[in-house]
Amino acid sequence: MPMVTVSISPLQAAGIRAAVDTGTYASSSEVVREALRMWDAARKRGEICDVPHAVNDPDGAVKSSRCVSDMFADYEAETHRHN
């Protein structure tokens, strides 16, 4: 599997560690892969920001969509509602 190095915030790192420590995920790689699957699915549904289109659409003809951070906030809220 290809390896990619990314920088994340301390809060994001703590969230990943917590997900692994609680047994929700087996590894930090599993957390990131799940996040990327969620991002890809939301992107394909048109639910997240498409910054290049927004920049190239000064008149706002392209429907505004939500940002990745909005999607993950919704996911976290939903997870906490069921726990």
N, C-alpha and C. Protein backbone atom coordinates (compact mmCIF):
# COMPACT_ATOMS: atom_id res chain seq x y z
N MET A 1 0.85 -1.17 0.00
CA MET A 1 0.00 0.00 0.00
C MET A 1 0.89 1.23 0.00
N PRO A 2 0.57 2.23 -0.84
CA PRO A 2 1.40 3.44 -0.86
C PRO A 2 1.32 4.18 0.48
N MET A 3 2.41 4.83 0.84
CA MET A 3 2.44 5.61 2.06
C MET A 3 2.47 7.09 1.70
N VAL A 4 1.74 7.88 2.48
CA VAL A 4 1.68 9.32 2.30
C VAL A 4 1.90 9.95 3.67
N THR A 5 2.68 11.00 3.72
CA THR A 5 2.89 11.72 4.97
C THR A 5 2.05 12.98 4.95
N VAL A 6 1.29 13.20 6.02
CA VAL A 6 0.46 14.40 6.13
C VAL A 6 0.69 15.03 7.49
N SER A 7 0.38 16.30 7.58
CA SER A 7 0.44 17.01 8.86
C SER A 7 -0.99 17.23 9.33
N ILE A 8 -1.23 16.96 10.62
CA ILE A 8 -2.54 17.18 11.19
C ILE A 8 -2.38 17.98 12.48
N SER A 9 -3.47 18.54 12.94
CA SER A 9 -3.41 19.34 14.16
C SER A 9 -3.29 18.42 15.38
N PRO A 10 -2.81 18.96 16.49
CA PRO A 10 -2.76 18.16 17.72
C PRO A 10 -4.15 17.63 18.12
N LEU A 11 -5.19 18.42 17.89
CA LEU A 11 -6.54 17.97 18.21
C LEU A 11 -6.95 16.78 17.34
N GLN A 12 -6.61 16.83 16.07
CA GLN A 12 -6.92 15.72 15.18
C GLN A 12 -6.14 14.47 15.60
N ALA A 13 -4.87 14.65 15.95
CA ALA A 13 -4.06 13.51 16.39
C ALA A 13 -4.64 12.90 17.65
N ALA A 14 -5.10 13.74 18.57
CA ALA A 14 -5.71 13.24 19.81
C ALA A 14 -6.99 12.47 19.50
N GLY A 15 -7.77 12.96 18.56
CA GLY A 15 -9.00 12.27 18.17
C GLY A 15 -8.71 10.90 17.57
N ILE A 16 -7.68 10.83 16.75
CA ILE A 16 -7.29 9.55 16.16
C ILE A 16 -6.83 8.60 17.26
N ARG A 17 -5.97 9.09 18.16
CA ARG A 17 -5.49 8.24 19.27
C ARG A 17 -6.66 7.74 20.12
N ALA A 18 -7.62 8.62 20.39
CA ALA A 18 -8.77 8.24 21.20
C ALA A 18 -9.59 7.15 20.50
N ALA A 19 -9.77 7.28 19.20
CA ALA A 19 -10.53 6.28 18.46
C ALA A 19 -9.85 4.91 18.52
N VAL A 20 -8.54 4.91 18.49
CA VAL A 20 -7.79 3.65 18.58
C VAL A 20 -7.80 3.14 20.02
N ASP A 21 -7.57 4.03 20.98
CA ASP A 21 -7.51 3.63 22.39
C ASP A 21 -8.83 3.04 22.88
N THR A 22 -9.95 3.55 22.37
CA THR A 22 -11.25 3.04 22.80
C THR A 22 -11.67 1.78 22.06
N GLY A 23 -10.86 1.39 21.07
CA GLY A 23 -11.16 0.19 20.32
C GLY A 23 -12.12 0.39 19.16
N THR A 24 -12.49 1.64 18.90
CA THR A 24 -13.37 1.92 17.77
C THR A 24 -12.69 1.55 16.46
N TYR A 25 -11.39 1.79 16.40
CA TYR A 25 -10.58 1.44 15.24
C TYR A 25 -9.35 0.68 15.71
N ALA A 26 -8.83 -0.18 14.85
CA ALA A 26 -7.66 -0.99 15.21
C ALA A 26 -6.35 -0.22 15.11
N SER A 27 -6.32 0.80 14.26
CA SER A 27 -5.08 1.54 14.05
C SER A 27 -5.39 2.95 13.57
N SER A 28 -4.39 3.82 13.68
CA SER A 28 -4.57 5.18 13.17
C SER A 28 -4.75 5.16 11.66
N SER A 29 -4.10 4.25 10.98
CA SER A 29 -4.27 4.14 9.52
C SER A 29 -5.72 3.82 9.17
N GLU A 30 -6.34 2.97 9.98
CA GLU A 30 -7.73 2.62 9.73
C GLU A 30 -8.64 3.85 9.89
N VAL A 31 -8.36 4.69 10.88
CA VAL A 31 -9.14 5.91 11.09
C VAL A 31 -9.02 6.81 9.86
N VAL A 32 -7.82 7.00 9.39
CA VAL A 32 -7.59 7.90 8.25
C VAL A 32 -8.22 7.32 6.98
N ARG A 33 -8.10 6.02 6.78
CA ARG A 33 -8.73 5.41 5.59
C ARG A 33 -10.24 5.60 5.63
N GLU A 34 -10.85 5.42 6.81
CA GLU A 34 -12.30 5.63 6.93
C GLU A 34 -12.66 7.09 6.64
N ALA A 35 -11.88 8.02 7.16
CA ALA A 35 -12.13 9.44 6.91
C ALA A 35 -12.04 9.74 5.42
N LEU A 36 -11.06 9.16 4.75
CA LEU A 36 -10.92 9.39 3.31
C LEU A 36 -12.06 8.77 2.53
N ARG A 37 -12.55 7.60 2.97
CA ARG A 37 -13.71 7.00 2.30
C ARG A 37 -14.93 7.91 2.46
N MET A 38 -15.12 8.46 3.67
CA MET A 38 -16.24 9.36 3.91
C MET A 38 -16.12 10.61 3.04
N TRP A 39 -14.91 11.17 2.97
CA TRP A 39 -14.67 12.36 2.16
C TRP A 39 -14.96 12.08 0.69
N ASP A 40 -14.47 10.95 0.20
CA ASP A 40 -14.66 10.61 -1.20
C ASP A 40 -16.14 10.42 -1.52
N ALA A 41 -16.86 9.73 -0.64
CA ALA A 41 -18.29 9.51 -0.86
C ALA A 41 -19.04 10.84 -0.85
N ALA A 42 -18.74 11.72 0.10
CA ALA A 42 -19.41 13.02 0.17
C ALA A 42 -19.06 13.88 -1.04
N ARG A 43 -17.82 13.81 -1.48
CA ARG A 43 -17.39 14.57 -2.66
C ARG A 43 -18.16 14.10 -3.89
N LYS A 44 -18.33 12.79 -4.02
CA LYS A 44 -19.05 12.24 -5.16
C LYS A 44 -20.53 12.61 -5.13
N ARG A 45 -21.08 12.79 -3.93
CA ARG A 45 -22.48 13.22 -3.79
C ARG A 45 -22.62 14.73 -3.93
N GLY A 46 -21.51 15.45 -4.03
CA GLY A 46 -21.54 16.90 -4.15
C GLY A 46 -21.83 17.60 -2.85
N GLU A 47 -21.49 16.98 -1.73
CA GLU A 47 -21.81 17.54 -0.42
C GLU A 47 -20.69 18.34 0.21
N ILE A 48 -19.56 18.45 -0.45
CA ILE A 48 -18.45 19.19 0.15
C ILE A 48 -17.97 20.28 -0.79
N CYS A 49 -17.21 21.20 -0.24
CA CYS A 49 -16.72 22.36 -1.00
C CYS A 49 -15.90 21.92 -2.19
N ASP A 50 -16.10 22.60 -3.27
CA ASP A 50 -15.29 22.40 -4.46
C ASP A 50 -14.61 23.74 -4.72
N VAL A 51 -13.54 23.99 -4.02
CA VAL A 51 -12.89 25.29 -4.04
C VAL A 51 -12.51 25.74 -5.44
N PRO A 52 -11.90 24.88 -6.27
CA PRO A 52 -11.55 25.37 -7.62
C PRO A 52 -12.77 25.88 -8.39
N HIS A 53 -13.93 25.21 -8.25
CA HIS A 53 -15.12 25.71 -8.94
C HIS A 53 -15.59 27.01 -8.33
N ALA A 54 -15.51 27.12 -7.03
CA ALA A 54 -15.94 28.35 -6.36
C ALA A 54 -15.09 29.53 -6.80
N VAL A 55 -13.79 29.32 -6.91
CA VAL A 55 -12.89 30.39 -7.34
C VAL A 55 -13.17 30.78 -8.78
N ASN A 56 -13.50 29.79 -9.61
CA ASN A 56 -13.76 30.06 -11.02
C ASN A 56 -15.21 30.45 -11.29
N ASP A 57 -16.00 30.64 -10.23
CA ASP A 57 -17.40 30.95 -10.38
C ASP A 57 -17.75 32.18 -9.54
N PRO A 58 -17.21 33.36 -9.90
CA PRO A 58 -17.42 34.55 -9.08
C PRO A 58 -18.88 34.97 -8.97
N ASP A 59 -19.73 34.55 -9.90
CA ASP A 59 -21.14 34.93 -9.86
C ASP A 59 -21.97 33.99 -8.99
N GLY A 60 -21.35 32.91 -8.50
CA GLY A 60 -22.06 31.98 -7.62
C GLY A 60 -23.05 31.09 -8.34
N ALA A 61 -22.80 30.82 -9.62
CA ALA A 61 -23.71 29.96 -10.37
C ALA A 61 -23.64 28.52 -9.90
N VAL A 62 -22.46 28.11 -9.43
CA VAL A 62 -22.32 26.75 -8.91
C VAL A 62 -22.92 26.71 -7.52
N LYS A 63 -23.77 25.72 -7.28
CA LYS A 63 -24.42 25.58 -5.98
C LYS A 63 -23.36 25.46 -4.88
N SER A 64 -23.50 26.26 -3.84
CA SER A 64 -22.59 26.20 -2.71
C SER A 64 -22.75 24.86 -2.01
N SER A 65 -21.66 24.27 -1.62
CA SER A 65 -21.73 23.00 -0.91
C SER A 65 -20.96 23.10 0.39
N ARG A 66 -21.07 22.09 1.19
CA ARG A 66 -20.50 22.10 2.52
C ARG A 66 -19.03 21.73 2.48
N CYS A 67 -18.31 22.15 3.50
CA CYS A 67 -16.89 21.84 3.61
C CYS A 67 -16.70 20.53 4.35
N VAL A 68 -15.54 19.94 4.18
CA VAL A 68 -15.22 18.68 4.84
C VAL A 68 -15.40 18.81 6.35
N SER A 69 -14.99 19.94 6.91
CA SER A 69 -15.12 20.11 8.36
C SER A 69 -16.58 20.05 8.79
N ASP A 70 -17.50 20.55 7.97
CA ASP A 70 -18.92 20.45 8.27
C ASP A 70 -19.37 18.99 8.29
N MET A 71 -18.91 18.24 7.31
CA MET A 71 -19.27 16.83 7.21
C MET A 71 -18.80 16.06 8.44
N PHE A 72 -17.55 16.29 8.85
CA PHE A 72 -17.03 15.57 10.00
C PHE A 72 -17.70 16.02 11.29
N ALA A 73 -18.05 17.28 11.39
CA ALA A 73 -18.78 17.76 12.58
C ALA A 73 -20.13 17.06 12.68
N ASP A 74 -20.81 16.90 11.56
CA ASP A 74 -22.08 16.18 11.55
C ASP A 74 -21.89 14.73 11.97
N TYR A 75 -20.84 14.11 11.46
CA TYR A 75 -20.55 12.72 11.79
C TYR A 75 -20.28 12.57 13.29
N GLU A 76 -19.48 13.47 13.84
CA GLU A 76 -19.17 13.43 15.28
C GLU A 76 -20.44 13.63 16.10
N ALA A 77 -21.28 14.57 15.70
CA ALA A 77 -22.52 14.82 16.43
C ALA A 77 -23.42 13.59 16.38
N GLU A 78 -23.51 12.97 15.23
CA GLU A 78 -24.33 11.76 15.09
C GLU A 78 -23.78 10.63 15.94
N THR A 79 -22.47 10.48 15.96
CA THR A 79 -21.83 9.44 16.77
C THR A 79 -22.13 9.65 18.25
N HIS A 80 -22.03 10.89 18.71
CA HIS A 80 -22.29 11.19 20.13
C HIS A 80 -23.76 11.01 20.49
N ARG A 81 -24.67 11.21 19.54
CA ARG A 81 -26.10 11.01 19.82
C ARG A 81 -26.41 9.55 20.07
N HIS A 82 -25.64 8.66 19.43
CA HIS A 82 -25.91 7.22 19.54
C HIS A 82 -25.11 6.55 20.64
N ASN A 83 -24.27 7.29 21.35
CA ASN A 83 -23.46 6.70 22.42
C ASN A 83 -24.01 7.03 23.78
